[in-house]
Amino acid sequence: MAMLKDILYGVSLTEIHGEREQDIAAIAFDSRQVKPGTLFCAIKGLTVDGHDFISTAIEAGATAVLCENLPSKLNEGITYIQVENTPAATGIVAANFYDNPSRKLKLVGVTGTNGKTTTATLLYQLFRNLGYKTGLLSTVENKIDDEVLPSQFTTPDSIQLNALLADMVKRGCTHCFMEVSSHALVQERTSGLHFQGGIFTNLSHDHLDYHETFDEYIKAKKILFDRLPKSAFALVNVDDKRGQIMLQNTKAEKNTYSLRAMADFKAKILHNTLQGLELDIDGVNAWFKLIGDFNAYNLLAVYGAAVLLEEEKEEVLTALSQMDGARGRFEQVANPNQVLAIVDYAHTPDALDNVLKTIDNLRTHQEMLVTVVGCGGNRDKSKRPEMARIAAEFSNKVILTSDNPRNEDPKQILDDMMAGISKVDQRKTMIIEDRKEAIRTACNLAGPMDIILVAGKGHETYQEINGVRNHFDDKEILKEMLDNQLG
């Protein structure tokens, strides 16, 4: 419960009609979640406009309405608050309603195309190992210290976010590490949050179905850094040419990390094997369980952020050396057949290229590499042929299959992918629409010491077909198939 006039603090108002001196019991932008005493936020979505549901919300008990366009008829006893941007105002209102929890802990946002989940998860694990109560907001899961909460989106909406952060504060968390997606930034889901730091991992081809152009995608990521306060830090990967762009307008303290260039936090790969990485980080040699160049970047980002959060360098490196990565990120599946079986979330051309290059650099080439990969439906179609081309370039056998077809015809998605396969590579490429059968076939093809990569879904435990999410876990199926092939 909070006073309306108090939760409007910091909101840029166009007009207000009605009483500000009233208690607000809840905030909602979905009219189905409205109860008596609710402030209803009318948000224009991609397919639904909340303004069309103002009267429904009032009937359900809303006593105040936040909107961009005032209704033609104003109900007596209802307070109408007109603003220019409802999503941005909703973020500020939600932060105020929950007593600005992001100011009561150290909130660090991680953005970029690849590496967000691993970086945020490693930071969460690290700070718990260092003795802090810590929160995590990620694609894989949300955590409040040791309690796991299901995660449906990379970044929850602003009301959910503040509720989660308030719960973290209530339970004594001092830090929270959060993936921040480009969608969330553009949709103002992070409006009203106070970040202690922002981390940029890299930028490559993704989400152009939503952002339309690469420039728009860059601008979306940049929002996080443009809004950081002077008291915060910005930490960016300068081996990616967009790293410096992220720093252009930030008020935060500027910091860089790199494997190849001069930077504030520098690392060198000494040994890169299928068992792990040996790195020289700021002049100290350390061994890590994680594998591949991309994880060297993730580890360096985590190290840099921890140091900027005033942790001891040696304690940080010692703790990091004992950690595993995030679920579904270059995750190896143990089996009795001596097959190197890997599940990875790689669902962009750049991520798939990174994973396959890592395997290619570490393999002897005496073994066979079988890659199982698909592309999601109702998403950026331009990456489909490129994903297939990359898979064929590095693999001895490629099996194109369904990912999450959603509401698209799986055959059309596979046709789009096949367009990227050259005539020469068609001989080593198979199309098996059923993902379970595709994984089974890969297991039948692979013998001892061979490598199977199942890419695209990683941590996901479902497959979405025509709006229905059916249980499907790549890791579970891969293990089942390999275990059943004994003898």
Protein backbone atom coordinates (compact mmCIF):
# COMPACT_ATOMS: atom_id res chain seq x y z
CA MET A 1 0.00 0.00 0.00
CA ALA A 2 1.36 3.42 -0.97
CA MET A 3 0.02 6.94 -1.46
CA LEU A 4 -0.59 7.82 -5.13
CA LYS A 5 1.12 11.22 -4.84
CA ASP A 6 4.24 9.46 -3.48
CA ILE A 7 4.51 6.84 -6.21
CA LEU A 8 4.18 9.55 -8.88
CA TYR A 9 7.44 11.14 -7.64
CA GLY A 10 9.83 11.61 -10.56
CA VAL A 11 7.17 10.98 -13.22
CA SER A 12 6.88 13.64 -15.92
CA LEU A 13 3.14 14.45 -15.94
CA THR A 14 1.20 15.95 -18.85
CA GLU A 15 -2.15 16.26 -17.04
CA ILE A 16 -3.78 14.88 -13.93
CA HIS A 17 -7.51 14.68 -13.18
CA GLY A 18 -8.72 13.53 -9.79
CA GLU A 19 -7.45 12.94 -6.27
CA ARG A 20 -3.76 12.27 -5.61
CA GLU A 21 -4.33 11.71 -1.89
CA GLN A 22 -5.41 8.08 -2.14
CA ASP A 23 -3.92 4.72 -1.21
CA ILE A 24 -2.84 2.41 -4.01
CA ALA A 25 -2.92 -1.31 -3.19
CA ALA A 26 -1.34 -2.63 -6.40
CA ILE A 27 -0.07 -1.71 -9.86
CA ALA A 28 -1.03 -3.62 -13.03
CA PHE A 29 -0.90 -3.20 -16.80
CA ASP A 30 -3.04 -6.31 -17.44
CA SER A 31 -6.71 -5.62 -16.69
CA ARG A 32 -7.12 -9.27 -15.62
CA GLN A 33 -4.77 -8.63 -12.69
CA VAL A 34 -6.63 -5.58 -11.41
CA LYS A 35 -8.12 -5.69 -7.91
CA PRO A 36 -9.75 -2.92 -5.80
CA GLY A 37 -7.38 0.00 -5.24
CA THR A 38 -5.16 -0.72 -8.27
CA LEU A 39 -3.32 1.83 -10.41
CA PHE A 40 -3.90 0.57 -13.96
CA CYS A 41 -1.12 1.41 -16.45
CA ALA A 42 -2.43 1.53 -20.03
CA ILE A 43 0.51 0.39 -22.17
CA LYS A 44 0.50 0.18 -25.96
CA GLY A 45 1.96 -3.24 -26.84
CA LEU A 46 2.86 -4.76 -30.19
CA THR A 47 -0.53 -6.45 -30.55
CA VAL A 48 -2.70 -5.09 -27.69
CA ASP A 49 -3.32 -1.52 -26.53
CA GLY A 50 -3.97 -1.18 -22.80
CA HIS A 51 -6.02 1.97 -23.47
CA ASP A 52 -8.76 -0.32 -24.85
CA PHE A 53 -9.06 -1.96 -21.42
CA ILE A 54 -9.32 1.13 -19.19
CA SER A 55 -13.05 0.71 -18.62
CA THR A 56 -12.57 -3.04 -17.90
CA ALA A 57 -9.88 -2.18 -15.33
CA ILE A 58 -12.15 0.39 -13.65
CA GLU A 59 -14.96 -2.16 -13.47
CA ALA A 60 -12.50 -4.57 -11.77
CA GLY A 61 -11.67 -1.98 -9.09
CA ALA A 62 -8.94 0.30 -10.48
CA THR A 63 -9.10 3.70 -8.76
CA ALA A 64 -6.39 5.39 -10.84
CA VAL A 65 -5.30 5.15 -14.47
CA LEU A 66 -1.89 5.98 -15.98
CA CYS A 67 -2.18 6.58 -19.73
CA GLU A 68 -0.87 8.45 -22.76
CA ASN A 69 -4.33 9.25 -24.17
CA LEU A 70 -7.15 10.29 -21.85
CA PRO A 71 -10.53 8.58 -22.47
CA SER A 72 -13.18 10.80 -24.04
CA LYS A 73 -15.30 10.35 -20.91
CA LEU A 74 -13.70 10.57 -17.45
CA ASN A 75 -15.35 8.59 -14.65
CA GLU A 76 -16.07 10.46 -11.45
CA GLY A 77 -14.00 9.21 -8.50
CA ILE A 78 -11.22 7.88 -10.76
CA THR A 79 -7.85 9.64 -10.99
CA TYR A 80 -6.46 9.90 -14.53
CA ILE A 81 -2.73 10.58 -14.96
CA GLN A 82 -1.63 11.47 -18.48
CA VAL A 83 2.04 10.99 -19.44
CA GLU A 84 4.00 11.00 -22.68
CA ASN A 85 5.42 7.48 -22.26
CA THR A 86 3.43 4.99 -20.19
CA PRO A 87 6.06 2.19 -20.12
CA ALA A 88 8.75 4.62 -18.83
CA ALA A 89 6.36 6.09 -16.26
CA THR A 90 5.28 2.60 -15.16
CA GLY A 91 8.90 1.73 -14.36
CA ILE A 92 9.29 4.81 -12.16
CA VAL A 93 5.93 4.24 -10.47
CA ALA A 94 6.75 0.56 -9.82
CA ALA A 95 10.14 1.49 -8.32
CA ASN A 96 8.47 4.05 -6.02
CA PHE A 97 5.66 1.62 -5.08
CA TYR A 98 8.22 -0.97 -3.93
CA ASP A 99 10.31 1.73 -2.18
CA ASN A 100 13.10 1.80 -4.78
CA PRO A 101 14.71 -1.57 -3.99
CA SER A 102 17.41 -1.17 -6.67
CA ARG A 103 18.93 1.62 -4.53
CA LYS A 104 19.18 -0.70 -1.52
CA LEU A 105 21.47 -3.27 -3.13
CA LYS A 106 24.20 -3.25 -5.78
CA LEU A 107 22.44 -3.97 -9.07
CA VAL A 108 24.67 -4.79 -12.06
CA GLY A 109 23.20 -5.20 -15.56
CA VAL A 110 24.79 -7.37 -18.25
CA THR A 111 23.92 -6.75 -21.89
CA GLY A 112 25.21 -7.96 -25.27
CA THR A 113 24.28 -10.63 -27.81
CA ASN A 114 26.20 -13.55 -26.33
CA GLY A 115 27.61 -14.27 -22.88
CA LYS A 116 24.93 -12.48 -20.82
CA THR A 117 23.70 -15.58 -19.03
CA THR A 118 27.14 -17.02 -18.27
CA THR A 119 28.47 -13.65 -17.07
CA ALA A 120 25.47 -12.92 -14.84
CA THR A 121 25.41 -16.50 -13.49
CA LEU A 122 29.15 -16.52 -12.73
CA LEU A 123 28.82 -13.19 -10.91
CA TYR A 124 25.94 -14.59 -8.86
CA GLN A 125 27.91 -17.75 -8.00
CA LEU A 126 31.05 -15.74 -7.26
CA PHE A 127 29.43 -13.32 -4.83
CA ARG A 128 27.65 -16.13 -3.02
CA ASN A 129 31.01 -17.91 -2.70
CA LEU A 130 32.47 -14.68 -1.33
CA GLY A 131 29.85 -14.77 1.42
CA TYR A 132 27.17 -12.37 0.16
CA LYS A 133 23.43 -12.95 -0.11
CA THR A 134 22.90 -12.45 -3.82
CA GLY A 135 20.12 -12.26 -6.42
CA LEU A 136 20.13 -13.37 -10.07
CA LEU A 137 17.78 -12.35 -12.89
CA SER A 138 18.57 -14.39 -16.01
CA THR A 139 17.18 -16.20 -19.03
CA VAL A 140 17.68 -19.55 -17.31
CA GLU A 141 16.32 -18.74 -13.87
CA ASN A 142 15.75 -16.05 -11.28
CA LYS A 143 17.26 -16.63 -7.85
CA ILE A 144 16.86 -14.97 -4.49
CA ASP A 145 19.94 -16.23 -2.66
CA ASP A 146 19.45 -20.04 -2.82
CA GLU A 147 15.77 -20.05 -3.86
CA VAL A 148 15.14 -20.74 -7.54
CA LEU A 149 12.24 -19.01 -9.29
CA PRO A 150 11.15 -19.90 -12.85
CA SER A 151 12.17 -17.48 -15.61
CA GLN A 152 10.08 -16.91 -18.76
CA PHE A 153 11.83 -13.85 -20.20
CA THR A 154 15.38 -12.54 -20.28
CA THR A 155 14.15 -9.46 -18.41
CA PRO A 156 10.79 -9.44 -16.53
CA ASP A 157 8.43 -6.45 -16.81
CA SER A 158 9.09 -3.40 -14.62
CA ILE A 159 6.46 -4.32 -12.02
CA GLN A 160 7.74 -7.90 -11.65
CA LEU A 161 11.32 -6.62 -11.59
CA ASN A 162 10.74 -4.27 -8.70
CA ALA A 163 8.72 -6.90 -6.81
CA LEU A 164 11.61 -9.37 -7.20
CA LEU A 165 14.20 -6.78 -6.16
CA ALA A 166 12.08 -5.79 -3.14
CA ASP A 167 11.93 -9.47 -2.13
CA MET A 168 15.72 -9.70 -2.47
CA VAL A 169 16.18 -6.66 -0.22
CA LYS A 170 13.71 -8.06 2.31
CA ARG A 171 15.73 -11.28 2.45
CA GLY A 172 19.01 -9.49 2.99
CA CYS A 173 20.55 -9.60 -0.49
CA THR A 174 23.33 -7.06 -0.98
CA HIS A 175 23.94 -7.67 -4.70
CA CYS A 176 21.89 -8.60 -7.76
CA PHE A 177 23.20 -9.52 -11.21
CA MET A 178 20.79 -9.15 -14.08
CA GLU A 179 20.69 -9.92 -17.78
CA VAL A 180 19.35 -6.89 -19.63
CA SER A 181 17.93 -7.64 -23.07
CA SER A 182 17.62 -5.15 -25.92
CA HIS A 183 13.84 -5.72 -25.92
CA ALA A 184 13.66 -4.80 -22.23
CA LEU A 185 15.63 -1.59 -22.76
CA VAL A 186 13.49 -0.43 -25.69
CA GLN A 187 10.28 -1.38 -23.87
CA GLU A 188 11.39 0.61 -20.78
CA ARG A 189 11.26 -2.43 -18.48
CA THR A 190 14.38 -1.10 -16.72
CA SER A 191 13.02 2.44 -16.33
CA GLY A 192 13.30 3.63 -12.73
CA LEU A 193 16.05 1.15 -11.81
CA HIS A 194 19.32 2.34 -10.27
CA PHE A 195 22.29 0.39 -11.63
CA GLN A 196 25.61 0.21 -9.80
CA GLY A 197 27.24 -1.07 -12.97
CA GLY A 198 26.71 -2.09 -16.58
CA ILE A 199 28.64 -4.74 -18.53
CA PHE A 200 28.78 -5.05 -22.34
CA THR A 201 29.86 -8.46 -23.68
CA ASN A 202 29.62 -8.21 -27.50
CA LEU A 203 27.22 -7.48 -30.31
CA SER A 204 26.30 -9.58 -33.32
CA HIS A 205 23.40 -10.49 -35.60
CA ASP A 206 20.27 -11.14 -33.51
CA HIS A 207 16.71 -9.89 -32.93
CA LEU A 208 16.54 -8.01 -36.24
CA ASP A 209 12.97 -9.29 -36.47
CA TYR A 210 12.26 -6.85 -33.63
CA HIS A 211 14.79 -4.03 -34.09
CA GLU A 212 14.71 -4.14 -37.94
CA THR A 213 18.22 -2.70 -38.41
CA PHE A 214 21.57 -3.36 -36.79
CA ASP A 215 21.87 0.34 -35.91
CA GLU A 216 18.61 0.16 -33.97
CA TYR A 217 19.90 -2.93 -32.16
CA ILE A 218 23.11 -1.06 -31.18
CA LYS A 219 21.07 1.94 -29.96
CA ALA A 220 18.90 -0.40 -27.87
CA LYS A 221 21.91 -1.91 -26.08
CA LYS A 222 23.41 1.55 -25.57
CA ILE A 223 20.40 2.70 -23.50
CA LEU A 224 21.77 0.84 -20.46
CA PHE A 225 25.04 2.81 -20.53
CA ASP A 226 23.48 6.15 -21.49
CA ARG A 227 21.38 6.00 -18.31
CA LEU A 228 24.05 4.91 -15.84
CA PRO A 229 24.64 7.48 -13.07
CA LYS A 230 28.03 9.03 -12.24
CA SER A 231 28.34 6.73 -9.24
CA ALA A 232 28.17 3.61 -11.43
CA PHE A 233 30.78 1.80 -13.51
CA ALA A 234 30.59 0.85 -17.20
CA LEU A 235 32.68 -2.18 -18.21
CA VAL A 236 32.89 -2.99 -21.93
CA ASN A 237 34.64 -5.49 -24.17
CA VAL A 238 36.86 -3.38 -26.46
CA ASP A 239 37.74 -6.35 -28.67
CA ASP A 240 34.24 -5.78 -30.04
CA LYS A 241 34.24 -2.54 -32.05
CA ARG A 242 30.88 -1.59 -30.53
CA GLY A 243 32.44 -1.54 -27.03
CA GLN A 244 33.65 2.04 -27.35
CA ILE A 245 30.26 3.09 -28.79
CA MET A 246 28.61 1.96 -25.53
CA LEU A 247 30.86 4.38 -23.61
CA GLN A 248 30.24 7.45 -25.81
CA ASN A 249 27.54 9.18 -23.73
CA THR A 250 27.78 7.46 -20.37
CA LYS A 251 28.24 9.46 -17.14
CA ALA A 252 29.58 6.34 -15.41
CA GLU A 253 33.22 5.52 -14.72
CA LYS A 254 34.56 4.03 -17.98
CA ASN A 255 36.36 0.67 -17.85
CA THR A 256 37.44 -1.77 -20.56
CA TYR A 257 38.44 -5.43 -20.83
CA SER A 258 40.25 -7.28 -23.61
CA LEU A 259 42.17 -10.35 -24.71
CA ARG A 260 43.81 -8.54 -27.64
CA ALA A 261 44.12 -4.81 -26.96
CA MET A 262 45.24 -2.43 -24.23
CA ALA A 263 42.55 -2.37 -21.55
CA ASP A 264 41.93 -1.79 -17.85
CA PHE A 265 41.42 -5.54 -17.38
CA LYS A 266 43.61 -7.71 -19.60
CA ALA A 267 43.87 -11.48 -20.01
CA LYS A 268 45.93 -13.84 -22.16
CA ILE A 269 45.00 -17.42 -22.97
CA LEU A 270 47.91 -19.71 -22.00
CA HIS A 271 46.20 -23.08 -22.54
CA ASN A 272 42.84 -23.78 -24.14
CA THR A 273 41.69 -27.42 -23.89
CA LEU A 274 38.49 -29.45 -23.72
CA GLN A 275 39.19 -29.77 -19.99
CA GLY A 276 39.43 -26.05 -19.29
CA LEU A 277 41.32 -22.77 -19.68
CA GLU A 278 44.56 -21.46 -18.25
CA LEU A 279 44.61 -17.66 -18.30
CA ASP A 280 47.02 -14.94 -17.32
CA ILE A 281 44.69 -12.32 -15.79
CA ASP A 282 46.39 -9.09 -14.76
CA GLY A 283 49.70 -10.95 -14.39
CA VAL A 284 48.31 -13.88 -12.36
CA ASN A 285 48.07 -17.40 -13.82
CA ALA A 286 44.84 -19.25 -13.03
CA TRP A 287 43.10 -22.44 -14.24
CA PHE A 288 39.34 -22.43 -14.93
CA LYS A 289 36.86 -25.24 -15.64
CA LEU A 290 35.18 -23.30 -18.43
CA ILE A 291 36.16 -23.94 -22.05
CA GLY A 292 36.87 -21.74 -25.08
CA ASP A 293 37.81 -18.19 -26.05
CA PHE A 294 34.27 -16.91 -25.44
CA ASN A 295 34.47 -18.10 -21.83
CA ALA A 296 37.82 -16.35 -21.44
CA TYR A 297 35.91 -13.13 -22.18
CA ASN A 298 33.12 -14.06 -19.76
CA LEU A 299 35.61 -14.82 -16.97
CA LEU A 300 37.47 -11.56 -17.61
CA ALA A 301 34.23 -9.54 -17.49
CA VAL A 302 33.29 -11.19 -14.19
CA TYR A 303 36.74 -10.58 -12.75
CA GLY A 304 36.67 -6.91 -13.82
CA ALA A 305 33.19 -6.33 -12.40
CA ALA A 306 34.12 -7.96 -9.08
CA VAL A 307 37.21 -5.76 -8.76
CA LEU A 308 35.12 -2.68 -9.57
CA LEU A 309 32.76 -3.80 -6.80
CA GLU A 310 35.82 -3.61 -4.51
CA GLU A 311 36.52 -7.31 -4.05
CA GLU A 312 40.08 -8.62 -3.55
CA LYS A 313 41.66 -9.76 -6.84
CA GLU A 314 43.20 -12.98 -5.51
CA GLU A 315 40.02 -14.03 -3.68
CA VAL A 316 38.04 -13.45 -6.87
CA LEU A 317 40.40 -15.56 -9.03
CA THR A 318 40.50 -18.37 -6.46
CA ALA A 319 36.70 -18.53 -6.30
CA LEU A 320 36.29 -18.29 -10.10
CA SER A 321 38.71 -21.18 -10.66
CA GLN A 322 36.36 -23.51 -8.76
CA MET A 323 33.19 -22.65 -10.68
CA ASP A 324 31.16 -24.36 -13.40
CA GLY A 325 29.38 -22.34 -16.08
CA ALA A 326 25.68 -21.69 -16.64
CA ARG A 327 23.31 -24.53 -17.47
CA GLY A 328 23.02 -25.18 -21.20
CA ARG A 329 26.13 -23.17 -22.07
CA PHE A 330 28.79 -25.47 -23.57
CA GLU A 331 27.52 -28.08 -21.12
CA GLN A 332 29.05 -31.54 -21.50
CA VAL A 333 26.81 -34.58 -21.07
CA ALA A 334 28.55 -37.48 -19.36
CA ASN A 335 27.98 -40.88 -20.99
CA PRO A 336 29.54 -44.36 -20.98
CA ASN A 337 30.37 -44.36 -24.70
CA GLN A 338 33.31 -41.93 -24.65
CA VAL A 339 31.40 -39.56 -26.93
CA LEU A 340 32.06 -35.88 -26.25
CA ALA A 341 28.42 -34.69 -26.12
CA ILE A 342 27.79 -30.95 -25.78
CA VAL A 343 24.57 -28.97 -25.35
CA ASP A 344 24.74 -25.25 -26.07
CA TYR A 345 22.22 -22.41 -26.28
CA ALA A 346 23.88 -21.01 -29.44
CA HIS A 347 20.91 -19.66 -31.41
CA THR A 348 22.62 -16.85 -33.36
CA PRO A 349 25.17 -17.16 -36.18
CA ASP A 350 27.87 -15.56 -34.03
CA ALA A 351 27.24 -17.81 -31.02
CA LEU A 352 27.20 -20.96 -33.19
CA ASP A 353 30.38 -19.82 -34.94
CA ASN A 354 32.08 -19.28 -31.55
CA VAL A 355 31.10 -22.71 -30.23
CA LEU A 356 32.09 -24.55 -33.40
CA LYS A 357 35.40 -22.66 -33.71
CA THR A 358 36.15 -23.56 -30.09
CA ILE A 359 35.52 -27.25 -30.79
CA ASP A 360 37.46 -27.04 -34.05
CA ASN A 361 40.50 -25.50 -32.35
CA LEU A 362 40.55 -28.14 -29.61
CA ARG A 363 39.81 -31.32 -31.59
CA THR A 364 42.37 -33.60 -33.27
CA HIS A 365 40.28 -33.89 -36.48
CA GLN A 366 40.64 -37.68 -36.28
CA GLU A 367 37.17 -37.74 -34.69
CA MET A 368 33.84 -36.97 -36.35
CA LEU A 369 31.84 -33.87 -35.38
CA VAL A 370 28.05 -34.16 -35.73
CA THR A 371 26.07 -30.93 -35.27
CA VAL A 372 22.32 -30.88 -34.62
CA VAL A 373 20.83 -27.41 -35.09
CA GLY A 374 17.55 -25.65 -35.83
CA CYS A 375 16.15 -22.11 -35.87
CA GLY A 376 13.20 -20.69 -33.96
CA GLY A 377 9.95 -19.81 -35.67
CA ASN A 378 8.49 -16.27 -35.69
CA ARG A 379 11.99 -14.86 -35.29
CA ASP A 380 14.62 -13.24 -37.52
CA LYS A 381 14.53 -15.27 -40.75
CA SER A 382 17.72 -13.82 -42.19
CA LYS A 383 19.90 -15.79 -39.78
CA ARG A 384 18.54 -19.20 -40.83
CA PRO A 385 20.70 -19.86 -43.93
CA GLU A 386 23.72 -18.41 -42.13
CA MET A 387 23.27 -20.77 -39.15
CA ALA A 388 23.12 -23.77 -41.50
CA ARG A 389 26.16 -22.59 -43.48
CA ILE A 390 28.25 -22.20 -40.30
CA ALA A 391 27.21 -25.65 -39.05
CA ALA A 392 28.24 -27.23 -42.38
CA GLU A 393 31.55 -25.36 -42.50
CA PHE A 394 32.85 -26.92 -39.28
CA SER A 395 31.05 -30.29 -39.07
CA ASN A 396 31.52 -33.70 -40.65
CA LYS A 397 27.78 -34.30 -40.44
CA VAL A 398 24.97 -31.75 -40.03
CA ILE A 399 21.41 -32.56 -38.99
CA LEU A 400 18.97 -29.69 -39.49
CA THR A 401 15.94 -30.02 -37.24
CA SER A 402 13.18 -28.12 -35.45
CA ASP A 403 13.99 -25.73 -32.63
CA ASN A 404 10.88 -23.93 -31.31
CA PRO A 405 8.80 -23.61 -34.51
CA ARG A 406 6.15 -21.65 -32.57
CA ASN A 407 3.44 -20.73 -35.09
CA GLU A 408 5.51 -21.29 -38.24
CA ASP A 409 5.60 -24.36 -40.48
CA PRO A 410 8.75 -26.30 -39.43
CA LYS A 411 9.29 -27.39 -43.04
CA GLN A 412 9.49 -23.76 -44.18
CA ILE A 413 12.06 -22.98 -41.47
CA LEU A 414 14.15 -25.96 -42.58
CA ASP A 415 13.86 -24.88 -46.24
CA ASP A 416 15.11 -21.41 -45.23
CA MET A 417 18.07 -23.03 -43.44
CA MET A 418 18.85 -25.37 -46.31
CA ALA A 419 19.23 -22.36 -48.62
CA GLY A 420 22.52 -21.66 -46.82
CA ILE A 421 24.00 -25.11 -47.56
CA SER A 422 26.25 -25.29 -50.63
CA LYS A 423 25.85 -28.11 -53.17
CA VAL A 424 29.06 -29.71 -51.91
CA ASP A 425 27.90 -29.61 -48.26
CA GLN A 426 24.46 -31.01 -49.10
CA ARG A 427 26.06 -34.47 -49.16
CA LYS A 428 26.84 -34.29 -45.43
CA THR A 429 23.58 -32.60 -44.43
CA MET A 430 20.40 -34.33 -43.29
CA ILE A 431 16.96 -32.87 -42.55
CA ILE A 432 15.12 -34.56 -39.67
CA GLU A 433 12.20 -32.40 -38.57
CA ASP A 434 11.54 -34.32 -35.32
CA ARG A 435 14.17 -33.03 -32.85
CA LYS A 436 14.23 -36.20 -30.77
CA GLU A 437 14.83 -38.30 -33.88
CA ALA A 438 17.53 -35.88 -34.98
CA ILE A 439 19.36 -36.32 -31.66
CA ARG A 440 18.89 -40.11 -31.84
CA THR A 441 20.40 -40.13 -35.34
CA ALA A 442 23.39 -38.09 -34.16
CA CYS A 443 23.99 -40.59 -31.36
CA ASN A 444 23.78 -43.50 -33.84
CA LEU A 445 26.32 -41.82 -36.11
CA ALA A 446 28.84 -41.03 -33.35
CA GLY A 447 31.31 -43.55 -31.97
CA PRO A 448 33.89 -43.40 -29.15
CA MET A 449 35.86 -40.11 -29.13
CA ASP A 450 33.51 -38.52 -31.67
CA ILE A 451 31.80 -35.20 -30.86
CA ILE A 452 28.10 -34.32 -30.88
CA LEU A 453 26.95 -30.70 -30.58
CA VAL A 454 23.24 -30.10 -30.01
CA ALA A 455 22.77 -26.36 -30.45
CA GLY A 456 19.99 -23.82 -30.09
CA LYS A 457 17.96 -24.65 -26.99
CA GLY A 458 20.53 -25.12 -24.23
CA HIS A 459 18.84 -24.75 -20.83
CA GLU A 460 15.29 -24.80 -22.23
CA THR A 461 13.13 -27.69 -21.04
CA TYR A 462 10.33 -27.25 -23.58
CA GLN A 463 9.64 -27.14 -27.30
CA GLU A 464 7.03 -24.62 -28.42
CA ILE A 465 4.77 -25.79 -31.25
CA ASN A 466 1.61 -23.85 -32.24
CA GLY A 467 1.46 -21.99 -28.94
CA VAL A 468 1.88 -25.13 -26.81
CA ARG A 469 5.02 -25.77 -24.76
CA ASN A 470 5.74 -29.51 -24.60
CA HIS A 471 8.41 -30.90 -22.27
CA PHE A 472 11.68 -31.23 -24.19
CA ASP A 473 15.20 -31.16 -22.74
CA ASP A 474 18.14 -31.58 -25.16
CA LYS A 475 20.46 -32.67 -22.35
CA GLU A 476 17.98 -35.24 -21.02
CA ILE A 477 17.35 -36.75 -24.46
CA LEU A 478 21.02 -36.77 -25.44
CA LYS A 479 21.92 -38.61 -22.22
CA GLU A 480 19.05 -41.08 -22.64
CA MET A 481 20.06 -41.90 -26.24
CA LEU A 482 23.76 -42.34 -25.42
CA ASP A 483 23.09 -44.40 -22.28
CA ASN A 484 20.83 -46.73 -24.28
CA GLN A 485 23.59 -47.48 -26.78
CA LEU A 486 25.81 -49.40 -24.37
CA GLY A 487 27.37 -52.41 -26.01
